Amino acid sequence: MTKFTKILLALVLVLTVPAISMAMCQGSNCVFKCGGDGYYGCTIANIEQEGAFNKAEIKQYEGCKSSNLATIEQAGLGNKASITQAFGSKFNEASIVQEGAFNKADIDQYGMKNDAFITQEGTCNKADINQYSFKNWATITQEGLGNSAVINQGKWGGSAYVANISQSGWANSAVITQK
């Protein structure tokens, strides 16, 4: 990539971020920021589904000032996804993307400034992320058949944990517990 291309790309990003934030937030109190330090902006829930017999549920508590973002995208057959951003949780971002059949994914966020991302491609994969404290980052990526992954962060104290699980193939199992 040439220097000119990099500068042009940076300019495009700088000019489009304010437009995105204005499109997603109304009023002067919204600030759009996503990343490793949580999410700052309007409380947003978004579900997109393609296929048949998919089930998605987002539960957000604390109202508009909690600045939580939750997104579920499903394509395929019989996938199940759930995101809960509980009472007292603020500035969290959670995303589940599922393609395939009979995958199951759950994200529960109880703390603040947490980021959780699950991506599943294949069949009968299962993934769970539970974040109880502050400034945690977790990702689970699954490709294949019958894989199982669990990440627990901060249930017994501590914060600012980072955990990543990547699985491909079939019948793999992984658990990360960060206390």
Protein backbone atom coordinates (compact mmCIF):
# COMPACT_ATOMS: atom_id res chain seq x y z
CA MET A 1 0.00 0.00 0.00
CA THR A 2 1.48 3.32 -1.02
CA LYS A 3 1.79 6.29 1.30
CA PHE A 4 -0.84 8.18 -0.68
CA THR A 5 -3.30 5.27 -0.37
CA LYS A 6 -2.74 5.12 3.40
CA ILE A 7 -3.36 8.85 3.76
CA LEU A 8 -6.49 8.63 1.60
CA LEU A 9 -7.81 5.70 3.65
CA ALA A 10 -7.14 7.58 6.91
CA LEU A 11 -8.99 10.61 5.57
CA VAL A 12 -11.99 8.51 4.59
CA LEU A 13 -12.10 6.94 8.06
CA VAL A 14 -11.79 10.29 9.82
CA LEU A 15 -14.55 11.83 7.74
CA THR A 16 -16.98 8.88 7.99
CA VAL A 17 -16.82 8.22 11.76
CA PRO A 18 -18.63 11.47 12.65
CA ALA A 19 -21.28 10.69 10.04
CA ILE A 20 -21.77 7.20 11.49
CA SER A 21 -22.07 8.53 15.03
CA MET A 22 -24.60 11.15 13.97
CA ALA A 23 -26.62 8.55 12.16
CA MET A 24 -26.69 6.20 15.16
CA CYS A 25 -27.11 8.72 17.97
CA GLN A 26 -29.52 11.58 18.34
CA GLY A 27 -28.87 14.50 20.61
CA SER A 28 -25.70 16.10 21.88
CA ASN A 29 -24.97 13.54 24.62
CA CYS A 30 -23.98 10.65 22.35
CA VAL A 31 -20.33 9.94 21.70
CA PHE A 32 -19.51 7.04 19.37
CA LYS A 33 -16.53 4.91 20.32
CA CYS A 34 -16.13 1.16 20.03
CA GLY A 35 -13.08 -0.86 20.90
CA GLY A 36 -11.07 -2.42 23.66
CA ASP A 37 -12.35 0.02 26.23
CA GLY A 38 -16.01 -0.79 25.81
CA TYR A 39 -18.65 1.10 23.90
CA TYR A 40 -19.67 4.74 24.35
CA GLY A 41 -22.84 5.90 22.70
CA CYS A 42 -26.53 5.27 22.66
CA THR A 43 -27.91 2.01 24.01
CA ILE A 44 -28.48 -0.04 20.86
CA ALA A 45 -29.81 -3.55 20.17
CA ASN A 46 -29.82 -4.94 16.63
CA ILE A 47 -30.87 -8.37 15.34
CA GLU A 48 -30.60 -9.49 11.69
CA GLN A 49 -31.76 -12.93 10.61
CA GLU A 50 -31.74 -14.90 7.34
CA GLY A 51 -32.75 -18.51 6.93
CA ALA A 52 -35.24 -20.51 8.98
CA PHE A 53 -35.98 -21.35 12.60
CA ASN A 54 -33.28 -19.08 14.02
CA LYS A 55 -33.84 -17.65 17.51
CA ALA A 56 -32.25 -14.46 18.84
CA GLU A 57 -32.78 -12.53 22.06
CA ILE A 58 -31.18 -9.37 23.45
CA LYS A 59 -31.86 -8.17 26.99
CA GLN A 60 -30.54 -4.74 27.99
CA TYR A 61 -31.16 -3.17 31.36
CA GLU A 62 -30.36 0.30 32.76
CA GLY A 63 -32.02 2.25 29.93
CA CYS A 64 -30.60 4.79 27.51
CA LYS A 65 -27.76 6.01 29.72
CA SER A 66 -26.08 2.61 30.00
CA SER A 67 -24.35 2.97 26.60
CA ASN A 68 -24.52 -0.74 25.79
CA LEU A 69 -24.31 -2.10 22.24
CA ALA A 70 -25.58 -5.58 21.33
CA THR A 71 -25.71 -7.09 17.85
CA ILE A 72 -26.80 -10.52 16.62
CA GLU A 73 -26.52 -11.64 12.98
CA GLN A 74 -27.78 -15.08 11.97
CA ALA A 75 -27.84 -16.90 8.64
CA GLY A 76 -28.79 -20.52 8.32
CA LEU A 77 -31.03 -22.98 10.11
CA GLY A 78 -31.92 -23.39 13.79
CA ASN A 79 -29.23 -21.15 15.27
CA LYS A 80 -29.77 -19.73 18.78
CA ALA A 81 -28.17 -16.58 20.17
CA SER A 82 -28.65 -14.58 23.34
CA ILE A 83 -27.03 -11.42 24.73
CA THR A 84 -27.75 -10.12 28.22
CA GLN A 85 -26.36 -6.81 29.43
CA ALA A 86 -27.51 -6.93 33.05
CA PHE A 87 -28.44 -4.36 35.68
CA GLY A 88 -25.43 -2.21 36.49
CA SER A 89 -23.65 -3.03 33.23
CA LYS A 90 -22.53 0.00 31.25
CA PHE A 91 -20.33 0.82 28.25
CA ASN A 92 -20.32 -2.80 27.01
CA GLU A 93 -20.18 -4.15 23.48
CA ALA A 94 -21.36 -7.64 22.51
CA SER A 95 -21.63 -9.24 19.07
CA ILE A 96 -22.68 -12.70 17.86
CA VAL A 97 -22.39 -13.74 14.21
CA GLN A 98 -23.66 -17.18 13.23
CA GLU A 99 -23.60 -18.93 9.85
CA GLY A 100 -24.59 -22.55 9.49
CA ALA A 101 -26.97 -24.77 11.42
CA PHE A 102 -27.85 -25.46 15.03
CA ASN A 103 -25.13 -23.28 16.55
CA LYS A 104 -25.68 -21.84 20.03
CA ALA A 105 -24.06 -18.70 21.46
CA ASP A 106 -24.57 -16.75 24.69
CA ILE A 107 -22.93 -13.58 26.01
CA ASP A 108 -23.65 -12.29 29.53
CA GLN A 109 -22.13 -8.98 30.65
CA TYR A 110 -22.46 -7.85 34.27
CA GLY A 111 -19.65 -5.28 34.56
CA MET A 112 -18.50 -2.19 32.70
CA LYS A 113 -16.40 -1.47 29.62
CA ASN A 114 -16.39 -5.09 28.44
CA ASP A 115 -16.09 -6.33 24.86
CA ALA A 116 -17.29 -9.80 23.77
CA PHE A 117 -17.39 -11.25 20.26
CA ILE A 118 -18.52 -14.70 19.07
CA THR A 119 -18.29 -15.87 15.45
CA GLN A 120 -19.58 -19.31 14.46
CA GLU A 121 -19.48 -21.01 11.07
CA GLY A 122 -20.52 -24.62 10.74
CA THR A 123 -22.88 -26.91 12.61
CA CYS A 124 -23.69 -27.62 16.26
CA ASN A 125 -21.04 -25.35 17.75
CA LYS A 126 -21.57 -23.93 21.26
CA ALA A 127 -19.97 -20.78 22.72
CA ASP A 128 -20.44 -18.87 25.99
CA ILE A 129 -18.80 -15.67 27.25
CA ASN A 130 -19.48 -14.41 30.78
CA GLN A 131 -17.96 -11.10 31.87
CA TYR A 132 -18.43 -10.06 35.49
CA SER A 133 -15.91 -7.29 36.11
CA PHE A 134 -14.41 -4.36 34.19
CA LYS A 135 -12.45 -3.73 30.97
CA ASN A 136 -12.41 -7.34 29.77
CA TRP A 137 -11.96 -8.48 26.17
CA ALA A 138 -13.09 -11.91 24.91
CA THR A 139 -13.36 -13.51 21.48
CA ILE A 140 -14.48 -16.96 20.40
CA THR A 141 -14.20 -18.06 16.77
CA GLN A 142 -15.51 -21.47 15.75
CA GLU A 143 -15.45 -23.22 12.38
CA GLY A 144 -16.52 -26.81 11.92
CA LEU A 145 -18.75 -29.27 13.74
CA GLY A 146 -19.58 -29.75 17.42
CA ASN A 147 -16.98 -27.45 18.94
CA SER A 148 -17.49 -26.10 22.49
CA ALA A 149 -15.90 -22.98 24.04
CA VAL A 150 -16.41 -21.07 27.30
CA ILE A 151 -14.74 -17.88 28.58
CA ASN A 152 -15.39 -16.65 32.14
CA GLN A 153 -13.82 -13.34 33.17
CA GLY A 154 -13.72 -11.64 36.55
CA LYS A 155 -16.31 -13.66 38.47
CA TRP A 156 -14.08 -13.77 41.54
CA GLY A 157 -12.49 -10.36 41.12
CA GLY A 158 -9.83 -8.90 38.91
CA SER A 159 -10.32 -7.01 35.68
CA ALA A 160 -8.74 -6.04 32.34
CA TYR A 161 -8.51 -9.65 31.20
CA VAL A 162 -7.99 -10.67 27.56
CA ALA A 163 -9.04 -14.12 26.29
CA ASN A 164 -9.25 -15.60 22.80
CA ILE A 165 -10.40 -19.05 21.69
CA SER A 166 -10.18 -20.15 18.05
CA GLN A 167 -11.45 -23.58 17.02
CA SER A 168 -11.61 -25.36 13.68
CA GLY A 169 -12.37 -28.97 12.92
CA TRP A 170 -14.79 -31.01 14.97
CA ALA A 171 -15.53 -31.88 18.61
CA ASN A 172 -12.94 -29.54 20.11
CA SER A 173 -13.52 -28.26 23.66
CA ALA A 174 -11.91 -25.24 25.39
CA VAL A 175 -12.50 -23.36 28.64
CA ILE A 176 -10.75 -20.18 29.85
CA THR A 177 -11.42 -18.95 33.38
CA GLN A 178 -9.82 -15.68 34.43
CA LYS A 179 -10.49 -14.98 38.08
